[in-house]
Amino acid sequence: MEDDPAQLADAWGILEALGYRITAAESAEAALGRVERTRFDLIVTDNILPGMTGLQALPRLRASGTPVIVMSSQYGPDTEKDALLIGAVAFIKKPLIAKDLSRLIRLALGSGTDSRQSPDSGGGAVPLLREQ
């Protein structure tokens, strides 16, 4: 989930280069509607979105059983901590770095919610959905 066209293009390019199929949503509300209709392997969401934030949407996104990575350009230790406490499997800072995002995606897809990661462990964040 990403509302900024430039950030979306950057994330899209990284994820596509890594070989992922991507479904984008510009708001949490749009993403929640898609999650109800489609099964995704992974959700990557920005925190700052129009309307509902990524953190506000996180419990409903996680209810689908899909791991969620939260990203934000407005980093603060409370945002990271809250994201992980609410159920994100990882948090990443923007701008995204391909190798960091790739590592977090592999961890999220390989071990689900048991492997929570943060920028302190080399992580970062993105706002998209990956369809199966």
Protein backbone atom coordinates (compact mmCIF):
# COMPACT_ATOMS: atom_id res chain seq x y z
CA MET A 1 0.00 0.00 0.00
CA GLU A 2 1.52 3.26 -1.12
CA ASP A 3 -0.11 6.56 -1.95
CA ASP A 4 2.92 8.46 -3.30
CA PRO A 5 3.37 7.75 -7.05
CA ALA A 6 7.18 8.18 -6.96
CA GLN A 7 7.57 5.91 -3.91
CA LEU A 8 5.21 3.38 -5.50
CA ALA A 9 7.26 3.38 -8.70
CA ASP A 10 10.47 2.81 -6.70
CA ALA A 11 8.96 -0.03 -4.68
CA TRP A 12 7.35 -1.54 -7.77
CA GLY A 13 10.68 -1.51 -9.60
CA ILE A 14 12.50 -3.20 -6.73
CA LEU A 15 9.84 -5.86 -6.22
CA GLU A 16 9.48 -6.57 -9.93
CA ALA A 17 13.26 -6.90 -10.29
CA LEU A 18 13.15 -9.43 -7.45
CA GLY A 19 10.59 -11.45 -9.41
CA TYR A 20 7.43 -10.72 -7.43
CA ARG A 21 3.95 -10.19 -8.85
CA ILE A 22 2.54 -7.00 -7.39
CA THR A 23 -0.89 -5.59 -6.70
CA ALA A 24 -0.83 -1.96 -5.59
CA ALA A 25 -3.33 -0.14 -3.39
CA GLU A 26 -3.28 3.62 -2.75
CA SER A 27 -5.08 3.41 0.59
CA ALA A 28 -5.58 1.04 3.49
CA GLU A 29 -9.29 0.90 2.76
CA ALA A 30 -8.66 -0.24 -0.84
CA ALA A 31 -6.16 -2.84 0.36
CA LEU A 32 -8.56 -4.21 2.97
CA GLY A 33 -11.18 -4.72 0.28
CA ARG A 34 -8.71 -6.65 -1.87
CA VAL A 35 -7.49 -8.76 1.04
CA GLU A 36 -11.09 -9.87 1.65
CA ARG A 37 -11.37 -11.13 -1.95
CA THR A 38 -7.86 -12.37 -2.76
CA ARG A 39 -5.22 -14.39 -0.97
CA PHE A 40 -1.79 -12.71 -0.82
CA ASP A 41 1.52 -14.20 0.25
CA LEU A 42 2.77 -10.92 1.70
CA ILE A 43 1.57 -7.37 2.30
CA VAL A 44 3.98 -4.43 2.32
CA THR A 45 2.42 -1.20 3.55
CA ASP A 46 3.39 2.37 4.09
CA ASN A 47 2.30 3.76 7.44
CA ILE A 48 1.35 7.30 6.36
CA LEU A 49 -1.63 6.97 4.00
CA PRO A 50 -4.74 9.04 3.31
CA GLY A 51 -7.55 8.01 5.65
CA MET A 52 -6.58 4.99 7.74
CA THR A 53 -2.85 4.58 8.45
CA GLY A 54 -0.95 1.38 7.83
CA LEU A 55 -0.74 0.77 11.58
CA GLN A 56 -4.50 1.25 11.96
CA ALA A 57 -5.11 -1.27 9.15
CA LEU A 58 -2.55 -3.76 10.47
CA PRO A 59 -4.84 -5.83 12.76
CA ARG A 60 -7.36 -6.34 9.95
CA LEU A 61 -4.63 -7.14 7.43
CA ARG A 62 -3.09 -9.67 9.84
CA ALA A 63 -6.50 -11.26 10.43
CA SER A 64 -6.17 -12.68 6.91
CA GLY A 65 -3.15 -14.67 8.11
CA THR A 66 -0.87 -12.82 5.71
CA PRO A 67 2.49 -11.52 6.98
CA VAL A 68 2.81 -7.72 6.82
CA ILE A 69 5.91 -5.55 6.44
CA VAL A 70 5.44 -1.89 7.44
CA MET A 71 7.54 0.86 5.88
CA SER A 72 7.78 4.57 6.57
CA SER A 73 9.86 7.58 5.63
CA GLN A 74 8.87 9.19 8.93
CA TYR A 75 10.80 6.89 11.19
CA GLY A 76 10.53 6.98 14.94
CA PRO A 77 11.26 4.27 17.49
CA ASP A 78 7.64 4.34 18.66
CA THR A 79 6.35 3.72 15.13
CA GLU A 80 8.67 0.75 14.69
CA LYS A 81 7.83 -0.64 18.14
CA ASP A 82 4.08 -0.20 17.60
CA ALA A 83 4.22 -1.87 14.18
CA LEU A 84 5.98 -4.92 15.60
CA LEU A 85 3.71 -5.08 18.68
CA ILE A 86 0.56 -4.87 16.55
CA GLY A 87 1.74 -7.75 14.40
CA ALA A 88 4.03 -6.63 11.59
CA VAL A 89 6.74 -9.17 10.83
CA ALA A 90 9.17 -6.38 9.93
CA PHE A 91 9.63 -2.63 9.71
CA ILE A 92 11.74 -0.87 7.09
CA LYS A 93 12.68 2.77 6.59
CA LYS A 94 12.26 4.55 3.28
CA PRO A 95 13.86 5.19 0.92
CA LEU A 96 13.91 1.48 0.25
CA ILE A 97 17.14 -0.37 -0.33
CA ALA A 98 16.64 -3.41 -2.55
CA LYS A 99 18.90 -5.80 -0.63
CA ASP A 100 17.30 -4.92 2.72
CA LEU A 101 13.78 -5.28 1.37
CA SER A 102 14.70 -8.56 -0.32
CA ARG A 103 16.08 -9.96 2.94
CA LEU A 104 12.98 -8.96 4.91
CA ILE A 105 10.68 -10.46 2.29
CA ARG A 106 12.59 -13.76 2.36
CA LEU A 107 12.38 -13.82 6.16
CA ALA A 108 8.66 -12.94 6.15
CA LEU A 109 7.78 -15.57 3.55
CA GLY A 110 10.00 -18.19 5.10
CA SER A 111 8.91 -17.90 8.71
CA GLY A 112 5.68 -15.87 8.88
CA THR A 113 5.06 -13.93 12.09
CA ASP A 114 7.78 -15.62 14.16
CA SER A 115 10.61 -13.53 12.72
CA ARG A 116 10.07 -9.88 13.58
CA GLN A 117 12.69 -7.58 12.15
CA SER A 118 13.50 -3.91 12.47
CA PRO A 119 15.89 -1.31 11.04
CA ASP A 120 18.33 -2.15 13.85
CA SER A 121 18.76 -5.58 12.30
CA GLY A 122 19.28 -4.12 8.82
CA GLY A 123 15.61 -3.82 7.87
CA GLY A 124 13.38 -1.18 6.26
CA ALA A 125 9.64 -0.90 4.73
CA VAL A 126 7.33 -0.78 1.54
CA PRO A 127 3.53 -0.32 0.68
CA LEU A 128 2.31 -2.99 -1.74
CA LEU A 129 0.49 -6.27 -1.89
CA ARG A 130 1.91 -9.44 -3.40
CA GLU A 131 -0.68 -11.69 -5.00
CA GLN A 132 -0.31 -15.45 -5.12
